[in-house]
Amino acid sequence: MVDEKILTTLRNVINNSSHLLDLTPQDFEILHKNADTLQEWADEIVKSFYDKLYSNEGALKILEGIPREALEKTLKKWFLSLLNGKPEEDFWITQWFVGLVHIARGVSNDYMLSMMSHIQLKFGELCFQEFDDIKAWQIFKSFKKVTDIIGVLIVEGYIDLYKQAIEGMSGIKPA
């Protein structure tokens, strides 16, 4: 179960971000409608992602002791889940927890957001190679909106954990 305070934060982040990014259920439909083609890109996106991470000394320290194959399998599963996700609370809660797992492993926001952008850019590149410009932009824009909100959830999760830690250590209340 998820704490009600966390759910309130989660709902606020999703509502605010969805409004500001103009995310609609149609964005999820666009991804679903094109999922057969988009799923074919999973291995290429995952390889590009980990090739980039494994070329960074700081990332190597974070990844130490974790088999690349296991990481690739997890990222591929996550990517595929985006293509078939639904704009429902359970989907967003899962994304929130993905962020928390990364925080627990010591992955800072600079890595999280940079690598989310890496995925978005690779996805966009493949969109424009595969589809005409109008359709490519439509698909890319839908994917970017969903993944931008996931990025916001990750950052908010990070901030929320820091606030809780400060409260716990100092007794200082947010008010």
N, C-alpha and C. Protein backbone atom coordinates (compact mmCIF):
# COMPACT_ATOMS: atom_id res chain seq x y z
N MET A 1 0.83 -1.19 0.00
CA MET A 1 0.00 0.00 0.00
C MET A 1 0.87 1.25 0.00
N VAL A 2 0.36 2.27 -0.61
CA VAL A 2 1.07 3.54 -0.68
C VAL A 2 0.44 4.50 0.33
N ASP A 3 1.29 5.16 1.10
CA ASP A 3 0.86 6.14 2.08
C ASP A 3 0.00 7.22 1.42
N GLU A 4 -1.04 7.67 2.11
CA GLU A 4 -1.97 8.66 1.55
C GLU A 4 -1.27 9.99 1.26
N LYS A 5 -0.30 10.38 2.07
CA LYS A 5 0.45 11.61 1.83
C LYS A 5 1.22 11.51 0.51
N ILE A 6 1.82 10.35 0.28
CA ILE A 6 2.55 10.13 -0.97
C ILE A 6 1.59 10.13 -2.15
N LEU A 7 0.43 9.48 -1.97
CA LEU A 7 -0.56 9.47 -3.05
C LEU A 7 -1.04 10.88 -3.40
N THR A 8 -1.20 11.71 -2.40
CA THR A 8 -1.61 13.09 -2.64
C THR A 8 -0.55 13.83 -3.44
N THR A 9 0.71 13.67 -3.05
CA THR A 9 1.81 14.28 -3.80
C THR A 9 1.83 13.75 -5.23
N LEU A 10 1.72 12.44 -5.37
CA LEU A 10 1.74 11.79 -6.67
C LEU A 10 0.61 12.34 -7.56
N ARG A 11 -0.58 12.41 -7.01
CA ARG A 11 -1.73 12.93 -7.78
C ARG A 11 -1.52 14.38 -8.19
N ASN A 12 -0.98 15.19 -7.29
CA ASN A 12 -0.72 16.60 -7.61
C ASN A 12 0.30 16.72 -8.73
N VAL A 13 1.37 15.95 -8.63
CA VAL A 13 2.41 15.98 -9.67
C VAL A 13 1.83 15.56 -11.01
N ILE A 14 1.07 14.48 -11.02
CA ILE A 14 0.48 13.99 -12.28
C ILE A 14 -0.50 15.01 -12.85
N ASN A 15 -1.37 15.54 -12.00
CA ASN A 15 -2.35 16.52 -12.48
C ASN A 15 -1.69 17.79 -13.00
N ASN A 16 -0.74 18.34 -12.23
CA ASN A 16 -0.06 19.56 -12.67
C ASN A 16 0.74 19.32 -13.95
N SER A 17 1.52 18.26 -13.96
CA SER A 17 2.35 17.97 -15.13
C SER A 17 1.51 17.64 -16.35
N SER A 18 0.46 16.86 -16.16
CA SER A 18 -0.42 16.52 -17.29
C SER A 18 -1.03 17.77 -17.89
N HIS A 19 -1.45 18.67 -17.02
CA HIS A 19 -2.04 19.92 -17.51
C HIS A 19 -1.00 20.77 -18.25
N LEU A 20 0.16 20.93 -17.63
CA LEU A 20 1.20 21.78 -18.22
C LEU A 20 1.76 21.21 -19.52
N LEU A 21 1.78 19.89 -19.64
CA LEU A 21 2.30 19.24 -20.84
C LEU A 21 1.20 18.86 -21.84
N ASP A 22 -0.04 19.13 -21.46
CA ASP A 22 -1.19 18.76 -22.31
C ASP A 22 -1.24 17.26 -22.59
N LEU A 23 -0.90 16.46 -21.58
CA LEU A 23 -1.01 15.01 -21.72
C LEU A 23 -2.48 14.63 -21.66
N THR A 24 -2.90 13.81 -22.63
CA THR A 24 -4.29 13.35 -22.67
C THR A 24 -4.29 11.83 -22.87
N PRO A 25 -5.42 11.20 -22.63
CA PRO A 25 -5.50 9.76 -22.92
C PRO A 25 -5.14 9.44 -24.38
N GLN A 26 -5.33 10.40 -25.26
CA GLN A 26 -4.99 10.19 -26.68
C GLN A 26 -3.48 9.92 -26.84
N ASP A 27 -2.66 10.50 -25.99
CA ASP A 27 -1.22 10.25 -26.08
C ASP A 27 -0.92 8.77 -25.83
N PHE A 28 -1.59 8.20 -24.85
CA PHE A 28 -1.40 6.77 -24.58
C PHE A 28 -1.95 5.94 -25.75
N GLU A 29 -3.06 6.37 -26.33
CA GLU A 29 -3.64 5.66 -27.48
C GLU A 29 -2.68 5.67 -28.66
N ILE A 30 -2.02 6.79 -28.89
CA ILE A 30 -1.06 6.90 -29.99
C ILE A 30 0.06 5.87 -29.79
N LEU A 31 0.56 5.76 -28.57
CA LEU A 31 1.61 4.78 -28.30
C LEU A 31 1.10 3.36 -28.48
N HIS A 32 -0.12 3.09 -27.99
CA HIS A 32 -0.72 1.75 -28.15
C HIS A 32 -0.89 1.40 -29.62
N LYS A 33 -1.42 2.35 -30.37
CA LYS A 33 -1.73 2.11 -31.78
C LYS A 33 -0.48 1.77 -32.59
N ASN A 34 0.66 2.30 -32.16
CA ASN A 34 1.91 2.09 -32.88
C ASN A 34 2.86 1.15 -32.17
N ALA A 35 2.36 0.47 -31.15
CA ALA A 35 3.21 -0.36 -30.28
C ALA A 35 3.94 -1.46 -31.05
N ASP A 36 3.32 -2.05 -32.05
CA ASP A 36 4.00 -3.12 -32.79
C ASP A 36 5.33 -2.66 -33.36
N THR A 37 5.34 -1.50 -33.96
CA THR A 37 6.58 -0.95 -34.51
C THR A 37 7.52 -0.48 -33.40
N LEU A 38 6.97 0.23 -32.42
CA LEU A 38 7.78 0.82 -31.35
C LEU A 38 8.48 -0.26 -30.51
N GLN A 39 7.82 -1.38 -30.32
CA GLN A 39 8.40 -2.48 -29.55
C GLN A 39 9.66 -3.03 -30.21
N GLU A 40 9.70 -2.96 -31.53
CA GLU A 40 10.86 -3.45 -32.27
C GLU A 40 12.12 -2.65 -31.94
N TRP A 41 11.96 -1.46 -31.39
CA TRP A 41 13.10 -0.60 -31.09
C TRP A 41 13.68 -0.85 -29.70
N ALA A 42 13.02 -1.66 -28.91
CA ALA A 42 13.41 -1.83 -27.51
C ALA A 42 14.88 -2.20 -27.36
N ASP A 43 15.34 -3.20 -28.08
CA ASP A 43 16.73 -3.65 -27.92
C ASP A 43 17.73 -2.56 -28.31
N GLU A 44 17.42 -1.83 -29.36
CA GLU A 44 18.32 -0.75 -29.81
C GLU A 44 18.37 0.39 -28.79
N ILE A 45 17.22 0.75 -28.24
CA ILE A 45 17.17 1.81 -27.22
C ILE A 45 17.92 1.36 -25.97
N VAL A 46 17.69 0.13 -25.55
CA VAL A 46 18.35 -0.39 -24.35
C VAL A 46 19.87 -0.44 -24.54
N LYS A 47 20.31 -0.92 -25.69
CA LYS A 47 21.75 -1.00 -25.96
C LYS A 47 22.37 0.39 -25.95
N SER A 48 21.73 1.34 -26.61
CA SER A 48 22.22 2.70 -26.66
C SER A 48 22.32 3.29 -25.25
N PHE A 49 21.32 3.04 -24.44
CA PHE A 49 21.26 3.52 -23.06
C PHE A 49 22.45 3.00 -22.26
N TYR A 50 22.66 1.71 -22.28
CA TYR A 50 23.72 1.13 -21.46
C TYR A 50 25.11 1.35 -22.05
N ASP A 51 25.21 1.45 -23.36
CA ASP A 51 26.50 1.82 -23.95
C ASP A 51 26.92 3.19 -23.43
N LYS A 52 25.98 4.11 -23.36
CA LYS A 52 26.27 5.45 -22.87
C LYS A 52 26.63 5.41 -21.39
N LEU A 53 25.84 4.72 -20.59
CA LEU A 53 26.12 4.66 -19.15
C LEU A 53 27.47 4.02 -18.87
N TYR A 54 27.76 2.93 -19.57
CA TYR A 54 29.01 2.21 -19.32
C TYR A 54 30.22 2.97 -19.85
N SER A 55 30.01 4.07 -20.55
CA SER A 55 31.12 4.90 -21.00
C SER A 55 31.42 6.03 -20.01
N ASN A 56 30.69 6.06 -18.90
CA ASN A 56 30.83 7.12 -17.91
C ASN A 56 31.40 6.57 -16.61
N GLU A 57 32.51 7.13 -16.15
CA GLU A 57 33.18 6.61 -14.94
C GLU A 57 32.28 6.66 -13.71
N GLY A 58 31.56 7.76 -13.53
CA GLY A 58 30.68 7.87 -12.38
C GLY A 58 29.58 6.83 -12.40
N ALA A 59 29.04 6.59 -13.58
CA ALA A 59 27.98 5.59 -13.71
C ALA A 59 28.53 4.19 -13.43
N LEU A 60 29.75 3.94 -13.82
CA LEU A 60 30.35 2.62 -13.56
C LEU A 60 30.38 2.30 -12.08
N LYS A 61 30.61 3.31 -11.26
CA LYS A 61 30.62 3.09 -9.81
C LYS A 61 29.24 2.70 -9.31
N ILE A 62 28.21 3.31 -9.87
CA ILE A 62 26.82 3.01 -9.48
C ILE A 62 26.44 1.61 -9.95
N LEU A 63 26.90 1.24 -11.14
CA LEU A 63 26.52 -0.04 -11.75
C LEU A 63 27.35 -1.22 -11.26
N GLU A 64 28.39 -0.94 -10.51
CA GLU A 64 29.31 -1.98 -10.06
C GLU A 64 28.56 -3.12 -9.35
N GLY A 65 28.87 -4.33 -9.79
CA GLY A 65 28.30 -5.52 -9.16
C GLY A 65 26.92 -5.91 -9.68
N ILE A 66 26.37 -5.14 -10.61
CA ILE A 66 25.07 -5.47 -11.18
C ILE A 66 25.29 -5.94 -12.61
N PRO A 67 24.90 -7.16 -12.94
CA PRO A 67 25.12 -7.65 -14.31
C PRO A 67 24.37 -6.81 -15.35
N ARG A 68 25.08 -6.44 -16.40
CA ARG A 68 24.47 -5.62 -17.45
C ARG A 68 23.22 -6.29 -18.02
N GLU A 69 23.27 -7.61 -18.18
CA GLU A 69 22.13 -8.33 -18.76
C GLU A 69 20.87 -8.12 -17.92
N ALA A 70 21.02 -8.14 -16.61
CA ALA A 70 19.86 -7.94 -15.72
C ALA A 70 19.32 -6.53 -15.86
N LEU A 71 20.22 -5.56 -15.95
CA LEU A 71 19.81 -4.17 -16.13
C LEU A 71 19.08 -3.98 -17.45
N GLU A 72 19.63 -4.57 -18.50
CA GLU A 72 19.02 -4.45 -19.82
C GLU A 72 17.63 -5.06 -19.85
N LYS A 73 17.48 -6.19 -19.21
CA LYS A 73 16.18 -6.86 -19.15
C LYS A 73 15.15 -5.97 -18.44
N THR A 74 15.56 -5.35 -17.35
CA THR A 74 14.67 -4.48 -16.59
C THR A 74 14.28 -3.25 -17.39
N LEU A 75 15.26 -2.61 -18.04
CA LEU A 75 14.97 -1.42 -18.83
C LEU A 75 14.05 -1.75 -20.00
N LYS A 76 14.29 -2.88 -20.63
CA LYS A 76 13.44 -3.28 -21.75
C LYS A 76 12.00 -3.49 -21.28
N LYS A 77 11.84 -4.13 -20.15
CA LYS A 77 10.49 -4.35 -19.60
C LYS A 77 9.82 -3.00 -19.31
N TRP A 78 10.57 -2.07 -18.74
CA TRP A 78 10.04 -0.73 -18.45
C TRP A 78 9.63 -0.03 -19.74
N PHE A 79 10.50 -0.03 -20.74
CA PHE A 79 10.20 0.62 -22.01
C PHE A 79 8.92 0.05 -22.63
N LEU A 80 8.82 -1.26 -22.66
CA LEU A 80 7.64 -1.90 -23.25
C LEU A 80 6.38 -1.55 -22.46
N SER A 81 6.52 -1.39 -21.15
CA SER A 81 5.35 -1.04 -20.33
C SER A 81 4.82 0.34 -20.67
N LEU A 82 5.68 1.23 -21.13
CA LEU A 82 5.24 2.57 -21.51
C LEU A 82 4.34 2.52 -22.75
N LEU A 83 4.64 1.60 -23.63
CA LEU A 83 3.90 1.52 -24.89
C LEU A 83 2.50 0.96 -24.69
N ASN A 84 2.31 0.26 -23.60
CA ASN A 84 1.00 -0.33 -23.31
C ASN A 84 0.39 0.20 -22.02
N GLY A 85 1.00 1.26 -21.47
CA GLY A 85 0.51 1.85 -20.23
C GLY A 85 -0.84 2.51 -20.41
N LYS A 86 -1.49 2.71 -19.30
CA LYS A 86 -2.78 3.41 -19.29
C LYS A 86 -2.66 4.56 -18.31
N PRO A 87 -3.33 5.67 -18.61
CA PRO A 87 -3.21 6.85 -17.73
C PRO A 87 -3.98 6.66 -16.43
N GLU A 88 -3.64 5.61 -15.72
CA GLU A 88 -4.31 5.29 -14.46
C GLU A 88 -3.31 5.38 -13.33
N GLU A 89 -3.83 5.51 -12.12
CA GLU A 89 -2.99 5.70 -10.94
C GLU A 89 -1.96 4.59 -10.76
N ASP A 90 -2.34 3.34 -11.00
CA ASP A 90 -1.39 2.23 -10.83
C ASP A 90 -0.17 2.38 -11.73
N PHE A 91 -0.37 2.83 -12.95
CA PHE A 91 0.75 3.05 -13.87
C PHE A 91 1.72 4.07 -13.27
N TRP A 92 1.19 5.18 -12.79
CA TRP A 92 2.03 6.24 -12.24
C TRP A 92 2.69 5.81 -10.93
N ILE A 93 1.99 5.05 -10.11
CA ILE A 93 2.59 4.55 -8.86
C ILE A 93 3.79 3.66 -9.19
N THR A 94 3.65 2.83 -10.20
CA THR A 94 4.77 1.98 -10.63
C THR A 94 5.96 2.85 -11.05
N GLN A 95 5.71 3.92 -11.78
CA GLN A 95 6.79 4.81 -12.21
C GLN A 95 7.44 5.50 -11.01
N TRP A 96 6.63 5.86 -10.03
CA TRP A 96 7.14 6.47 -8.79
C TRP A 96 8.12 5.52 -8.11
N PHE A 97 7.72 4.24 -8.01
CA PHE A 97 8.57 3.25 -7.36
C PHE A 97 9.84 2.97 -8.16
N VAL A 98 9.76 3.03 -9.48
CA VAL A 98 10.96 2.89 -10.31
C VAL A 98 11.97 3.97 -9.91
N GLY A 99 11.48 5.18 -9.73
CA GLY A 99 12.34 6.27 -9.30
C GLY A 99 12.94 6.02 -7.93
N LEU A 100 12.13 5.52 -7.00
CA LEU A 100 12.62 5.27 -5.65
C LEU A 100 13.71 4.20 -5.63
N VAL A 101 13.57 3.19 -6.49
CA VAL A 101 14.60 2.15 -6.59
C VAL A 101 15.91 2.78 -7.04
N HIS A 102 15.84 3.68 -8.00
CA HIS A 102 17.06 4.33 -8.47
C HIS A 102 17.68 5.20 -7.37
N ILE A 103 16.84 5.87 -6.62
CA ILE A 103 17.34 6.69 -5.51
C ILE A 103 18.04 5.80 -4.49
N ALA A 104 17.42 4.67 -4.17
CA ALA A 104 18.00 3.74 -3.19
C ALA A 104 19.36 3.21 -3.66
N ARG A 105 19.54 3.12 -4.98
CA ARG A 105 20.82 2.63 -5.52
C ARG A 105 21.86 3.74 -5.67
N GLY A 106 21.47 4.95 -5.30
CA GLY A 106 22.42 6.06 -5.36
C GLY A 106 22.50 6.74 -6.71
N VAL A 107 21.47 6.61 -7.51
CA VAL A 107 21.45 7.25 -8.82
C VAL A 107 20.90 8.67 -8.62
N SER A 108 21.73 9.65 -8.85
CA SER A 108 21.32 11.04 -8.64
C SER A 108 20.50 11.56 -9.82
N ASN A 109 19.85 12.69 -9.59
CA ASN A 109 18.95 13.25 -10.60
C ASN A 109 19.68 13.63 -11.89
N ASP A 110 20.96 14.00 -11.80
CA ASP A 110 21.66 14.33 -13.04
C ASP A 110 21.75 13.12 -13.96
N TYR A 111 21.99 11.95 -13.39
CA TYR A 111 21.99 10.72 -14.19
C TYR A 111 20.58 10.38 -14.67
N MET A 112 19.63 10.45 -13.74
CA MET A 112 18.24 10.07 -14.07
C MET A 112 17.71 10.92 -15.23
N LEU A 113 17.83 12.22 -15.10
CA LEU A 113 17.25 13.10 -16.12
C LEU A 113 18.04 13.08 -17.42
N SER A 114 19.35 12.99 -17.31
CA SER A 114 20.15 12.92 -18.54
C SER A 114 19.86 11.65 -19.32
N MET A 115 19.73 10.55 -18.61
CA MET A 115 19.48 9.28 -19.29
C MET A 115 18.03 9.17 -19.78
N MET A 116 17.10 9.84 -19.09
CA MET A 116 15.73 9.89 -19.61
C MET A 116 15.75 10.66 -20.93
N SER A 117 16.49 11.75 -20.96
CA SER A 117 16.62 12.51 -22.19
C SER A 117 17.29 11.67 -23.29
N HIS A 118 18.28 10.87 -22.91
CA HIS A 118 18.94 9.99 -23.87
C HIS A 118 17.91 9.05 -24.51
N ILE A 119 17.06 8.46 -23.69
CA ILE A 119 16.01 7.57 -24.21
C ILE A 119 15.08 8.33 -25.13
N GLN A 120 14.66 9.52 -24.71
CA GLN A 120 13.75 10.32 -25.53
C GLN A 120 14.37 10.67 -26.88
N LEU A 121 15.62 11.08 -26.86
CA LEU A 121 16.28 11.45 -28.11
C LEU A 121 16.45 10.26 -29.05
N LYS A 122 16.83 9.12 -28.50
CA LYS A 122 16.97 7.91 -29.32
C LYS A 122 15.61 7.52 -29.89
N PHE A 123 14.59 7.56 -29.05
CA PHE A 123 13.23 7.25 -29.50
C PHE A 123 12.82 8.21 -30.63
N GLY A 124 13.09 9.50 -30.45
CA GLY A 124 12.74 10.49 -31.47
C GLY A 124 13.48 10.24 -32.77
N GLU A 125 14.77 9.92 -32.67
CA GLU A 125 15.56 9.61 -33.85
C GLU A 125 14.94 8.45 -34.63
N LEU A 126 14.54 7.41 -33.91
CA LEU A 126 13.93 6.25 -34.55
C LEU A 126 12.56 6.58 -35.13
N CYS A 127 11.81 7.44 -34.46
CA CYS A 127 10.51 7.87 -34.99
C CYS A 127 10.67 8.53 -36.36
N PHE A 128 11.64 9.44 -36.45
CA PHE A 128 11.83 10.18 -37.70
C PHE A 128 12.47 9.34 -38.80
N GLN A 129 13.11 8.24 -38.44
CA GLN A 129 13.62 7.30 -39.44
C GLN A 129 12.50 6.42 -39.98
N GLU A 130 11.54 6.10 -39.13
CA GLU A 130 10.50 5.12 -39.47
C GLU A 130 9.25 5.73 -40.10
N PHE A 131 8.85 6.89 -39.63
CA PHE A 131 7.55 7.46 -40.01
C PHE A 131 7.73 8.78 -40.76
N ASP A 132 6.66 9.18 -41.46
CA ASP A 132 6.69 10.51 -42.07
C ASP A 132 6.74 11.54 -40.93
N ASP A 133 7.15 12.76 -41.25
CA ASP A 133 7.42 13.76 -40.24
C ASP A 133 6.23 14.04 -39.32
N ILE A 134 5.05 14.10 -39.86
CA ILE A 134 3.87 14.42 -39.05
C ILE A 134 3.58 13.30 -38.05
N LYS A 135 3.59 12.08 -38.53
CA LYS A 135 3.34 10.95 -37.63
C LYS A 135 4.48 10.79 -36.63
N ALA A 136 5.71 10.96 -37.08
CA ALA A 136 6.87 10.84 -36.19
C ALA A 136 6.75 11.85 -35.05
N TRP A 137 6.41 13.10 -35.39
CA TRP A 137 6.28 14.13 -34.36
C TRP A 137 5.15 13.78 -33.38
N GLN A 138 4.05 13.29 -33.89
CA GLN A 138 2.92 12.92 -33.04
C GLN A 138 3.31 11.83 -32.04
N ILE A 139 3.98 10.80 -32.53
CA ILE A 139 4.39 9.68 -31.66
C ILE A 139 5.45 10.14 -30.67
N PHE A 140 6.45 10.86 -31.17
CA PHE A 140 7.51 11.35 -30.29
C PHE A 140 6.95 12.25 -29.19
N LYS A 141 6.07 13.15 -29.57
CA LYS A 141 5.49 14.09 -28.61
C LYS A 141 4.72 13.34 -27.52
N SER A 142 3.98 12.32 -27.87
CA SER A 142 3.25 11.52 -26.88
C SER A 142 4.21 10.81 -25.94
N PHE A 143 5.24 10.21 -26.50
CA PHE A 143 6.24 9.51 -25.69
C PHE A 143 6.96 10.49 -24.76
N LYS A 144 7.31 11.64 -25.28
CA LYS A 144 8.03 12.63 -24.49
C LYS A 144 7.17 13.13 -23.34
N LYS A 145 5.90 13.37 -23.56
CA LYS A 145 5.02 13.83 -22.48
C LYS A 145 4.98 12.80 -21.35
N VAL A 146 4.78 11.55 -21.71
CA VAL A 146 4.70 10.49 -20.69
C VAL A 146 6.02 10.39 -19.94
N THR A 147 7.13 10.37 -20.66
CA THR A 147 8.42 10.20 -20.00
C THR A 147 8.85 11.46 -19.25
N ASP A 148 8.42 12.63 -19.68
CA ASP A 148 8.70 13.85 -18.91
C ASP A 148 7.99 13.79 -17.56
N ILE A 149 6.76 13.32 -17.55
CA ILE A 149 6.03 13.22 -16.28
C ILE A 149 6.72 12.20 -15.37
N ILE A 150 7.20 11.12 -15.94
CA ILE A 150 7.95 10.14 -15.15
C ILE A 150 9.19 10.81 -14.55
N GLY A 151 9.87 11.62 -15.33
CA GLY A 151 11.02 12.36 -14.83
C GLY A 151 10.65 13.27 -13.67
N VAL A 152 9.53 13.95 -13.79
CA VAL A 152 9.05 14.82 -12.71
C VAL A 152 8.75 13.99 -11.47
N LEU A 153 8.12 12.84 -11.64
CA LEU A 153 7.82 11.97 -10.50
C LEU A 153 9.11 11.52 -9.79
N ILE A 154 10.12 11.22 -10.56
CA ILE A 154 11.40 10.78 -9.98
C ILE A 154 12.02 11.91 -9.17
N VAL A 155 12.04 13.11 -9.73
CA VAL A 155 12.61 14.25 -9.00
C VAL A 155 11.80 14.53 -7.73
N GLU A 156 10.49 14.50 -7.83
CA GLU A 156 9.65 14.73 -6.65
C GLU A 156 9.85 13.65 -5.60
N GLY A 157 10.04 12.41 -6.04
CA GLY A 157 10.32 11.33 -5.10
C GLY A 157 11.62 11.57 -4.36
N TYR A 158 12.61 12.05 -5.09
CA TYR A 158 13.91 12.36 -4.52
C TYR A 158 13.78 13.46 -3.47
N ILE A 159 13.09 14.53 -3.84
CA ILE A 159 12.89 15.66 -2.93
C ILE A 159 12.09 15.23 -1.71
N ASP A 160 11.05 14.44 -1.93
CA ASP A 160 10.21 13.98 -0.83
C ASP A 160 11.01 13.15 0.17
N LEU A 161 11.88 12.28 -0.33
CA LEU A 161 12.72 11.48 0.58
C LEU A 161 13.67 12.36 1.38
N TYR A 162 14.23 13.38 0.74
CA TYR A 162 15.10 14.30 1.46
C TYR A 162 14.34 15.06 2.55
N LYS A 163 13.14 15.51 2.22
CA LYS A 163 12.32 16.21 3.22
C LYS A 163 12.05 15.30 4.42
N GLN A 164 11.68 14.05 4.14
CA GLN A 164 11.41 13.11 5.22
C GLN A 164 12.66 12.87 6.07
N ALA A 165 13.81 12.77 5.42
CA ALA A 165 15.06 12.55 6.15
C ALA A 165 15.37 13.73 7.05
N ILE A 166 15.20 14.94 6.54
CA ILE A 166 15.47 16.13 7.33
C ILE A 166 14.51 16.21 8.52
N GLU A 167 13.23 15.95 8.26
CA GLU A 167 12.24 15.93 9.35
C GLU A 167 12.63 14.91 10.41
N GLY A 168 12.99 13.71 9.96
CA GLY A 168 13.33 12.64 10.90
C GLY A 168 14.57 12.93 11.72
N MET A 169 15.56 13.55 11.09
CA MET A 169 16.82 13.82 11.78
C MET A 169 16.74 15.05 12.68
N SER A 170 15.97 16.06 12.22
CA SER A 170 15.98 17.32 12.94
C SER A 170 14.73 17.59 13.75
N GLY A 171 13.66 16.91 13.39
CA GLY A 171 12.38 17.19 14.04
C GLY A 171 11.70 18.42 13.46
N ILE A 172 12.33 19.06 12.46
CA ILE A 172 11.75 20.25 11.84
C ILE A 172 10.59 19.80 10.96
N LYS A 173 9.45 20.42 11.16
CA LYS A 173 8.26 20.11 10.37
C LYS A 173 8.21 21.05 9.16
N PRO A 174 7.58 20.61 8.07
CA PRO A 174 7.52 21.43 6.86
C PRO A 174 6.93 22.82 7.09
N ALA A 175 5.98 22.94 7.99
CA ALA A 175 5.37 24.26 8.26
C ALA A 175 6.40 25.20 8.83
